[in-house]
PDB file of N, CA and C in Angstrom:
ATOM      1  N   UNK A   1       0.531 -35.959 -28.990  1.00  0.00           N
ATOM      2  CA  UNK A   1       1.587 -36.354 -28.091  1.00  0.00           C
ATOM      3  C   UNK A   1       2.965 -36.055 -28.696  1.00  0.00           C
ATOM      4  N   UNK A   2       3.113 -36.365 -29.973  1.00  0.00           N
ATOM      5  CA  UNK A   2       4.383 -36.105 -30.647  1.00  0.00           C
ATOM      6  C   UNK A   2       4.653 -34.598 -30.739  1.00  0.00           C
ATOM      7  N   UNK A   3       3.599 -33.826 -30.944  1.00  0.00           N
ATOM      8  CA  UNK A   3       3.744 -32.378 -31.029  1.00  0.00           C
ATOM      9  C   UNK A   3       4.258 -31.800 -29.700  1.00  0.00           C
ATOM     10  N   UNK A   4       3.741 -32.315 -28.589  1.00  0.00           N
ATOM     11  CA  UNK A   4       4.193 -31.851 -27.270  1.00  0.00           C
ATOM     12  C   UNK A   4       5.665 -32.196 -27.071  1.00  0.00           C
ATOM     13  N   UNK A   5       6.058 -33.399 -27.468  1.00  0.00           N
ATOM     14  CA  UNK A   5       7.449 -33.822 -27.344  1.00  0.00           C
ATOM     15  C   UNK A   5       8.372 -32.935 -28.176  1.00  0.00           C
ATOM     16  N   UNK A   6       7.957 -32.610 -29.391  1.00  0.00           N
ATOM     17  CA  UNK A   6       8.776 -31.741 -30.249  1.00  0.00           C
ATOM     18  C   UNK A   6       8.893 -30.331 -29.655  1.00  0.00           C
ATOM     19  N   UNK A   7       7.809 -29.808 -29.101  1.00  0.00           N
ATOM     20  CA  UNK A   7       7.869 -28.502 -28.456  1.00  0.00           C
ATOM     21  C   UNK A   7       8.822 -28.534 -27.260  1.00  0.00           C
ATOM     22  N   UNK A   8       8.734 -29.586 -26.455  1.00  0.00           N
ATOM     23  CA  UNK A   8       9.602 -29.696 -25.274  1.00  0.00           C
ATOM     24  C   UNK A   8      11.070 -29.786 -25.673  1.00  0.00           C
ATOM     25  N   UNK A   9      11.380 -30.599 -26.667  1.00  0.00           N
ATOM     26  CA  UNK A   9      12.773 -30.720 -27.115  1.00  0.00           C
ATOM     27  C   UNK A   9      13.286 -29.411 -27.711  1.00  0.00           C
ATOM     28  N   UNK A  10      12.423 -28.706 -28.411  1.00  0.00           N
ATOM     29  CA  UNK A  10      12.814 -27.418 -28.981  1.00  0.00           C
ATOM     30  C   UNK A  10      13.153 -26.420 -27.889  1.00  0.00           C
ATOM     31  N   UNK A  11      12.302 -26.344 -26.875  1.00  0.00           N
ATOM     32  CA  UNK A  11      12.537 -25.409 -25.772  1.00  0.00           C
ATOM     33  C   UNK A  11      13.819 -25.780 -25.031  1.00  0.00           C
ATOM     34  N   UNK A  12      14.016 -27.065 -24.761  1.00  0.00           N
ATOM     35  CA  UNK A  12      15.206 -27.495 -24.019  1.00  0.00           C
ATOM     36  C   UNK A  12      16.499 -27.241 -24.787  1.00  0.00           C
ATOM     37  N   UNK A  13      16.454 -27.298 -26.110  1.00  0.00           N
ATOM     38  CA  UNK A  13      17.667 -27.064 -26.896  1.00  0.00           C
ATOM     39  C   UNK A  13      17.903 -25.589 -27.193  1.00  0.00           C
ATOM     40  N   UNK A  14      16.849 -24.825 -27.392  1.00  0.00           N
ATOM     41  CA  UNK A  14      17.021 -23.413 -27.734  1.00  0.00           C
ATOM     42  C   UNK A  14      17.424 -22.559 -26.534  1.00  0.00           C
ATOM     43  N   UNK A  15      17.012 -22.933 -25.333  1.00  0.00           N
ATOM     44  CA  UNK A  15      17.367 -22.147 -24.146  1.00  0.00           C
ATOM     45  C   UNK A  15      18.873 -21.958 -23.995  1.00  0.00           C
ATOM     46  N   UNK A  16      19.640 -23.044 -23.895  1.00  0.00           N
ATOM     47  CA  UNK A  16      21.092 -22.896 -23.807  1.00  0.00           C
ATOM     48  C   UNK A  16      21.712 -22.316 -25.074  1.00  0.00           C
ATOM     49  N   UNK A  17      21.102 -22.575 -26.229  1.00  0.00           N
ATOM     50  CA  UNK A  17      21.629 -22.018 -27.477  1.00  0.00           C
ATOM     51  C   UNK A  17      21.557 -20.504 -27.498  1.00  0.00           C
ATOM     52  N   UNK A  18      20.433 -19.965 -27.040  1.00  0.00           N
ATOM     53  CA  UNK A  18      20.286 -18.508 -26.956  1.00  0.00           C
ATOM     54  C   UNK A  18      21.277 -17.938 -25.950  1.00  0.00           C
ATOM     55  N   UNK A  19      21.409 -18.610 -24.804  1.00  0.00           N
ATOM     56  CA  UNK A  19      22.348 -18.140 -23.781  1.00  0.00           C
ATOM     57  C   UNK A  19      23.783 -18.152 -24.295  1.00  0.00           C
ATOM     58  N   UNK A  20      24.157 -19.212 -25.009  1.00  0.00           N
ATOM     59  CA  UNK A  20      25.511 -19.289 -25.546  1.00  0.00           C
ATOM     60  C   UNK A  20      25.751 -18.196 -26.571  1.00  0.00           C
ATOM     61  N   UNK A  21      24.781 -17.952 -27.445  1.00  0.00           N
ATOM     62  CA  UNK A  21      24.943 -16.910 -28.463  1.00  0.00           C
ATOM     63  C   UNK A  21      25.111 -15.543 -27.813  1.00  0.00           C
ATOM     64  N   UNK A  22      24.321 -15.244 -26.791  1.00  0.00           N
ATOM     65  CA  UNK A  22      24.464 -13.963 -26.097  1.00  0.00           C
ATOM     66  C   UNK A  22      25.804 -13.860 -25.389  1.00  0.00           C
ATOM     67  N   UNK A  23      26.225 -14.960 -24.781  1.00  0.00           N
ATOM     68  CA  UNK A  23      27.508 -14.951 -24.075  1.00  0.00           C
ATOM     69  C   UNK A  23      28.669 -14.812 -25.058  1.00  0.00           C
ATOM     70  N   UNK A  24      28.620 -15.552 -26.158  1.00  0.00           N
ATOM     71  CA  UNK A  24      29.730 -15.546 -27.107  1.00  0.00           C
ATOM     72  C   UNK A  24      29.827 -14.253 -27.903  1.00  0.00           C
ATOM     73  N   UNK A  25      28.690 -13.705 -28.309  1.00  0.00           N
ATOM     74  CA  UNK A  25      28.734 -12.543 -29.191  1.00  0.00           C
ATOM     75  C   UNK A  25      28.404 -11.233 -28.492  1.00  0.00           C
ATOM     76  N   UNK A  26      27.753 -11.288 -27.340  1.00  0.00           N
ATOM     77  CA  UNK A  26      27.391 -10.059 -26.647  1.00  0.00           C
ATOM     78  C   UNK A  26      28.311  -9.691 -25.505  1.00  0.00           C
ATOM     79  N   UNK A  27      29.053 -10.664 -25.000  1.00  0.00           N
ATOM     80  CA  UNK A  27      29.915 -10.414 -23.842  1.00  0.00           C
ATOM     81  C   UNK A  27      31.392 -10.579 -24.174  1.00  0.00           C
ATOM     82  N   UNK A  28      31.727 -10.520 -25.438  1.00  0.00           N
ATOM     83  CA  UNK A  28      33.108 -10.733 -25.860  1.00  0.00           C
ATOM     84  C   UNK A  28      33.795  -9.399 -26.090  1.00  0.00           C
ATOM     85  N   UNK A  29      35.084  -9.363 -25.849  1.00  0.00           N
ATOM     86  CA  UNK A  29      35.880  -8.181 -26.137  1.00  0.00           C
ATOM     87  C   UNK A  29      36.054  -7.262 -24.935  1.00  0.00           C
ATOM     88  N   UNK A  30      36.775  -6.164 -25.195  1.00  0.00           N
ATOM     89  CA  UNK A  30      37.053  -5.202 -24.135  1.00  0.00           C
ATOM     90  C   UNK A  30      35.778  -4.470 -23.726  1.00  0.00           C
ATOM     91  N   UNK A  31      34.999  -4.030 -24.700  1.00  0.00           N
ATOM     92  CA  UNK A  31      33.715  -3.363 -24.451  1.00  0.00           C
ATOM     93  C   UNK A  31      32.589  -4.293 -24.884  1.00  0.00           C
ATOM     94  N   UNK A  32      32.000  -5.052 -23.937  1.00  0.00           N
ATOM     95  CA  UNK A  32      30.930  -5.974 -24.324  1.00  0.00           C
ATOM     96  C   UNK A  32      29.709  -5.232 -24.873  1.00  0.00           C
ATOM     97  N   UNK A  33      29.078  -5.808 -25.867  1.00  0.00           N
ATOM     98  CA  UNK A  33      27.894  -5.198 -26.475  1.00  0.00           C
ATOM     99  C   UNK A  33      26.741  -5.116 -25.480  1.00  0.00           C
ATOM    100  N   UNK A  34      26.657  -6.072 -24.562  1.00  0.00           N
ATOM    101  CA  UNK A  34      25.594  -6.068 -23.568  1.00  0.00           C
ATOM    102  C   UNK A  34      25.953  -5.259 -22.322  1.00  0.00           C
ATOM    103  N   UNK A  35      27.141  -4.734 -22.296  1.00  0.00           N
ATOM    104  CA  UNK A  35      27.559  -3.841 -21.220  1.00  0.00           C
ATOM    105  C   UNK A  35      27.525  -4.476 -19.844  1.00  0.00           C
ATOM    106  N   UNK A  36      26.768  -3.860 -18.937  1.00  0.00           N
ATOM    107  CA  UNK A  36      26.725  -4.292 -17.543  1.00  0.00           C
ATOM    108  C   UNK A  36      26.000  -5.605 -17.310  1.00  0.00           C
ATOM    109  N   UNK A  37      25.263  -6.067 -18.293  1.00  0.00           N
ATOM    110  CA  UNK A  37      24.577  -7.348 -18.122  1.00  0.00           C
ATOM    111  C   UNK A  37      25.548  -8.515 -18.054  1.00  0.00           C
ATOM    112  N   UNK A  38      26.687  -8.353 -18.719  1.00  0.00           N
ATOM    113  CA  UNK A  38      27.697  -9.406 -18.703  1.00  0.00           C
ATOM    114  C   UNK A  38      28.491  -9.315 -17.405  1.00  0.00           C
ATOM    115  N   UNK A  39      28.556 -10.414 -16.725  1.00  0.00           N
ATOM    116  CA  UNK A  39      29.313 -10.458 -15.481  1.00  0.00           C
ATOM    117  C   UNK A  39      30.720 -10.952 -15.800  1.00  0.00           C
ATOM    118  N   UNK A  40      31.683 -10.046 -15.738  1.00  0.00           N
ATOM    119  CA  UNK A  40      33.065 -10.410 -16.057  1.00  0.00           C
ATOM    120  C   UNK A  40      33.612 -11.402 -15.040  1.00  0.00           C
ATOM    121  N   UNK A  41      33.134 -11.317 -13.797  1.00  0.00           N
ATOM    122  CA  UNK A  41      33.638 -12.206 -12.756  1.00  0.00           C
ATOM    123  C   UNK A  41      33.109 -13.628 -12.933  1.00  0.00           C
ATOM    124  N   UNK A  42      31.879 -13.750 -13.399  1.00  0.00           N
ATOM    125  CA  UNK A  42      31.280 -15.078 -13.510  1.00  0.00           C
ATOM    126  C   UNK A  42      30.423 -15.202 -14.769  1.00  0.00           C
ATOM    127  N   UNK A  43      31.025 -15.580 -15.896  1.00  0.00           N
ATOM    128  CA  UNK A  43      30.228 -15.767 -17.107  1.00  0.00           C
ATOM    129  C   UNK A  43      29.261 -16.954 -16.989  1.00  0.00           C
ATOM    130  N   UNK A  44      29.587 -17.903 -16.119  1.00  0.00           N
ATOM    131  CA  UNK A  44      28.693 -19.050 -15.938  1.00  0.00           C
ATOM    132  C   UNK A  44      27.368 -18.619 -15.308  1.00  0.00           C
ATOM    133  N   UNK A  45      27.436 -17.651 -14.400  1.00  0.00           N
ATOM    134  CA  UNK A  45      26.209 -17.137 -13.782  1.00  0.00           C
ATOM    135  C   UNK A  45      25.313 -16.498 -14.844  1.00  0.00           C
ATOM    136  N   UNK A  46      25.892 -15.719 -15.734  1.00  0.00           N
ATOM    137  CA  UNK A  46      25.148 -15.102 -16.837  1.00  0.00           C
ATOM    138  C   UNK A  46      24.514 -16.174 -17.713  1.00  0.00           C
ATOM    139  N   UNK A  47      25.287 -17.214 -18.034  1.00  0.00           N
ATOM    140  CA  UNK A  47      24.789 -18.302 -18.872  1.00  0.00           C
ATOM    141  C   UNK A  47      23.604 -19.003 -18.219  1.00  0.00           C
ATOM    142  N   UNK A  48      23.693 -19.285 -16.931  1.00  0.00           N
ATOM    143  CA  UNK A  48      22.618 -19.984 -16.216  1.00  0.00           C
ATOM    144  C   UNK A  48      21.369 -19.121 -16.147  1.00  0.00           C
ATOM    145  N   UNK A  49      21.522 -17.850 -15.827  1.00  0.00           N
ATOM    146  CA  UNK A  49      20.358 -16.960 -15.719  1.00  0.00           C
ATOM    147  C   UNK A  49      19.664 -16.811 -17.061  1.00  0.00           C
ATOM    148  N   UNK A  50      20.424 -16.600 -18.125  1.00  0.00           N
ATOM    149  CA  UNK A  50      19.826 -16.436 -19.449  1.00  0.00           C
ATOM    150  C   UNK A  50      19.184 -17.742 -19.915  1.00  0.00           C
ATOM    151  N   UNK A  51      19.785 -18.881 -19.602  1.00  0.00           N
ATOM    152  CA  UNK A  51      19.190 -20.171 -19.957  1.00  0.00           C
ATOM    153  C   UNK A  51      17.844 -20.349 -19.261  1.00  0.00           C
ATOM    154  N   UNK A  52      17.784 -20.063 -17.972  1.00  0.00           N
ATOM    155  CA  UNK A  52      16.530 -20.206 -17.228  1.00  0.00           C
ATOM    156  C   UNK A  52      15.456 -19.247 -17.744  1.00  0.00           C
ATOM    157  N   UNK A  53      15.860 -18.009 -18.020  1.00  0.00           N
ATOM    158  CA  UNK A  53      14.894 -17.050 -18.574  1.00  0.00           C
ATOM    159  C   UNK A  53      14.406 -17.487 -19.956  1.00  0.00           C
ATOM    160  N   UNK A  54      15.307 -17.991 -20.778  1.00  0.00           N
ATOM    161  CA  UNK A  54      14.930 -18.463 -22.114  1.00  0.00           C
ATOM    162  C   UNK A  54      13.966 -19.638 -22.015  1.00  0.00           C
ATOM    163  N   UNK A  55      14.247 -20.569 -21.106  1.00  0.00           N
ATOM    164  CA  UNK A  55      13.341 -21.699 -20.923  1.00  0.00           C
ATOM    165  C   UNK A  55      11.959 -21.221 -20.498  1.00  0.00           C
ATOM    166  N   UNK A  56      11.917 -20.259 -19.599  1.00  0.00           N
ATOM    167  CA  UNK A  56      10.633 -19.739 -19.141  1.00  0.00           C
ATOM    168  C   UNK A  56       9.846 -19.075 -20.254  1.00  0.00           C
ATOM    169  N   UNK A  57      10.491 -18.188 -20.986  1.00  0.00           N
ATOM    170  CA  UNK A  57       9.808 -17.466 -22.072  1.00  0.00           C
ATOM    171  C   UNK A  57       9.391 -18.421 -23.183  1.00  0.00           C
ATOM    172  N   UNK A  58      10.305 -19.281 -23.613  1.00  0.00           N
ATOM    173  CA  UNK A  58       9.980 -20.230 -24.681  1.00  0.00           C
ATOM    174  C   UNK A  58       8.918 -21.233 -24.234  1.00  0.00           C
ATOM    175  N   UNK A  59       8.947 -21.619 -22.967  1.00  0.00           N
ATOM    176  CA  UNK A  59       7.937 -22.536 -22.447  1.00  0.00           C
ATOM    177  C   UNK A  59       6.550 -21.927 -22.473  1.00  0.00           C
ATOM    178  N   UNK A  60       6.449 -20.664 -22.098  1.00  0.00           N
ATOM    179  CA  UNK A  60       5.151 -19.976 -22.128  1.00  0.00           C
ATOM    180  C   UNK A  60       4.654 -19.837 -23.567  1.00  0.00           C
ATOM    181  N   UNK A  61       5.537 -19.449 -24.470  1.00  0.00           N
ATOM    182  CA  UNK A  61       5.152 -19.318 -25.877  1.00  0.00           C
ATOM    183  C   UNK A  61       4.705 -20.670 -26.432  1.00  0.00           C
ATOM    184  N   UNK A  62       5.446 -21.725 -26.111  1.00  0.00           N
ATOM    185  CA  UNK A  62       5.096 -23.059 -26.587  1.00  0.00           C
ATOM    186  C   UNK A  62       3.757 -23.510 -26.019  1.00  0.00           C
ATOM    187  N   UNK A  63       3.519 -23.255 -24.739  1.00  0.00           N
ATOM    188  CA  UNK A  63       2.246 -23.642 -24.121  1.00  0.00           C
ATOM    189  C   UNK A  63       1.082 -22.906 -24.774  1.00  0.00           C
ATOM    190  N   UNK A  64       1.274 -21.627 -25.064  1.00  0.00           N
ATOM    191  CA  UNK A  64       0.212 -20.867 -25.723  1.00  0.00           C
ATOM    192  C   UNK A  64      -0.067 -21.404 -27.130  1.00  0.00           C
ATOM    193  N   UNK A  65       0.988 -21.733 -27.852  1.00  0.00           N
ATOM    194  CA  UNK A  65       0.803 -22.297 -29.194  1.00  0.00           C
ATOM    195  C   UNK A  65       0.096 -23.647 -29.144  1.00  0.00           C
ATOM    196  N   UNK A  66       0.496 -24.498 -28.203  1.00  0.00           N
ATOM    197  CA  UNK A  66      -0.142 -25.804 -28.080  1.00  0.00           C
ATOM    198  C   UNK A  66      -1.604 -25.670 -27.672  1.00  0.00           C
ATOM    199  N   UNK A  67      -1.891 -24.733 -26.780  1.00  0.00           N
ATOM    200  CA  UNK A  67      -3.271 -24.533 -26.344  1.00  0.00           C
ATOM    201  C   UNK A  67      -4.125 -24.014 -27.505  1.00  0.00           C
ATOM    202  N   UNK A  68      -3.555 -23.094 -28.294  1.00  0.00           N
ATOM    203  CA  UNK A  68      -4.290 -22.554 -29.433  1.00  0.00           C
ATOM    204  C   UNK A  68      -4.555 -23.647 -30.468  1.00  0.00           C
ATOM    205  N   UNK A  69      -3.560 -24.503 -30.709  1.00  0.00           N
ATOM    206  CA  UNK A  69      -3.734 -25.588 -31.678  1.00  0.00           C
ATOM    207  C   UNK A  69      -4.740 -26.613 -31.195  1.00  0.00           C
ATOM    208  N   UNK A  70      -4.768 -26.914 -29.902  1.00  0.00           N
ATOM    209  CA  UNK A  70      -5.728 -27.897 -29.398  1.00  0.00           C
ATOM    210  C   UNK A  70      -7.142 -27.327 -29.440  1.00  0.00           C
ATOM    211  N   UNK A  71      -7.293 -26.037 -29.203  1.00  0.00           N
ATOM    212  CA  UNK A  71      -8.612 -25.406 -29.306  1.00  0.00           C
ATOM    213  C   UNK A  71      -9.108 -25.388 -30.732  1.00  0.00           C
ATOM    214  N   UNK A  72      -8.193 -25.166 -31.665  1.00  0.00           N
ATOM    215  CA  UNK A  72      -8.560 -25.144 -33.075  1.00  0.00           C
ATOM    216  C   UNK A  72      -8.986 -26.540 -33.530  1.00  0.00           C
ATOM    217  N   UNK A  73      -8.317 -27.559 -33.006  1.00  0.00           N
ATOM    218  CA  UNK A  73      -8.656 -28.944 -33.385  1.00  0.00           C
ATOM    219  C   UNK A  73     -10.044 -29.305 -32.866  1.00  0.00           C
ATOM    220  N   UNK A  74     -10.406 -28.801 -31.705  1.00  0.00           N
ATOM    221  CA  UNK A  74     -11.737 -29.101 -31.159  1.00  0.00           C
ATOM    222  C   UNK A  74     -12.839 -28.447 -31.970  1.00  0.00           C
ATOM    223  N   UNK A  75     -12.616 -27.240 -32.470  1.00  0.00           N
ATOM    224  CA  UNK A  75     -13.646 -26.541 -33.216  1.00  0.00           C
ATOM    225  C   UNK A  75     -13.734 -26.996 -34.669  1.00  0.00           C
ATOM    226  N   UNK A  76     -12.675 -27.643 -35.172  1.00  0.00           N
ATOM    227  CA  UNK A  76     -12.667 -28.098 -36.566  1.00  0.00           C
ATOM    228  C   UNK A  76     -13.370 -29.433 -36.777  1.00  0.00           C
ATOM    229  N   UNK A  77     -13.710 -30.139 -35.701  1.00  0.00           N
ATOM    230  CA  UNK A  77     -14.363 -31.433 -35.873  1.00  0.00           C
ATOM    231  C   UNK A  77     -15.792 -31.230 -36.327  1.00  0.00           C
ATOM    232  N   UNK A  78     -16.190 -31.955 -37.350  1.00  0.00           N
ATOM    233  CA  UNK A  78     -17.562 -31.795 -37.865  1.00  0.00           C
ATOM    234  C   UNK A  78     -18.576 -32.382 -36.884  1.00  0.00           C
ATOM    235  N   UNK A  79     -19.754 -31.798 -36.802  1.00  0.00           N
ATOM    236  CA  UNK A  79     -20.774 -32.333 -35.904  1.00  0.00           C
ATOM    237  C   UNK A  79     -21.305 -33.665 -36.431  1.00  0.00           C
ATOM    238  N   UNK A  80     -21.649 -34.543 -35.517  1.00  0.00           N
ATOM    239  CA  UNK A  80     -22.108 -35.883 -35.902  1.00  0.00           C
ATOM    240  C   UNK A  80     -23.563 -35.907 -36.282  1.00  0.00           C
TER     241      UNK A  80
END
């Protein structure tokens, strides 16, 4: 239960963190490093889209890791 909570908190915190890093370092300056992906008219839209995508990708990765760990725990139990 604690492991699931830690995975959820990690995903919820890293999603906006990744979006902020891309916005701050990839969309800054006259020639943005991310080019056309950065929306000069609405940086908030870029932030929201990247946050949602990050949550989705990190959520899938976290679910796969949790599923793999729970399967490993089931096979590691000694027979009675």
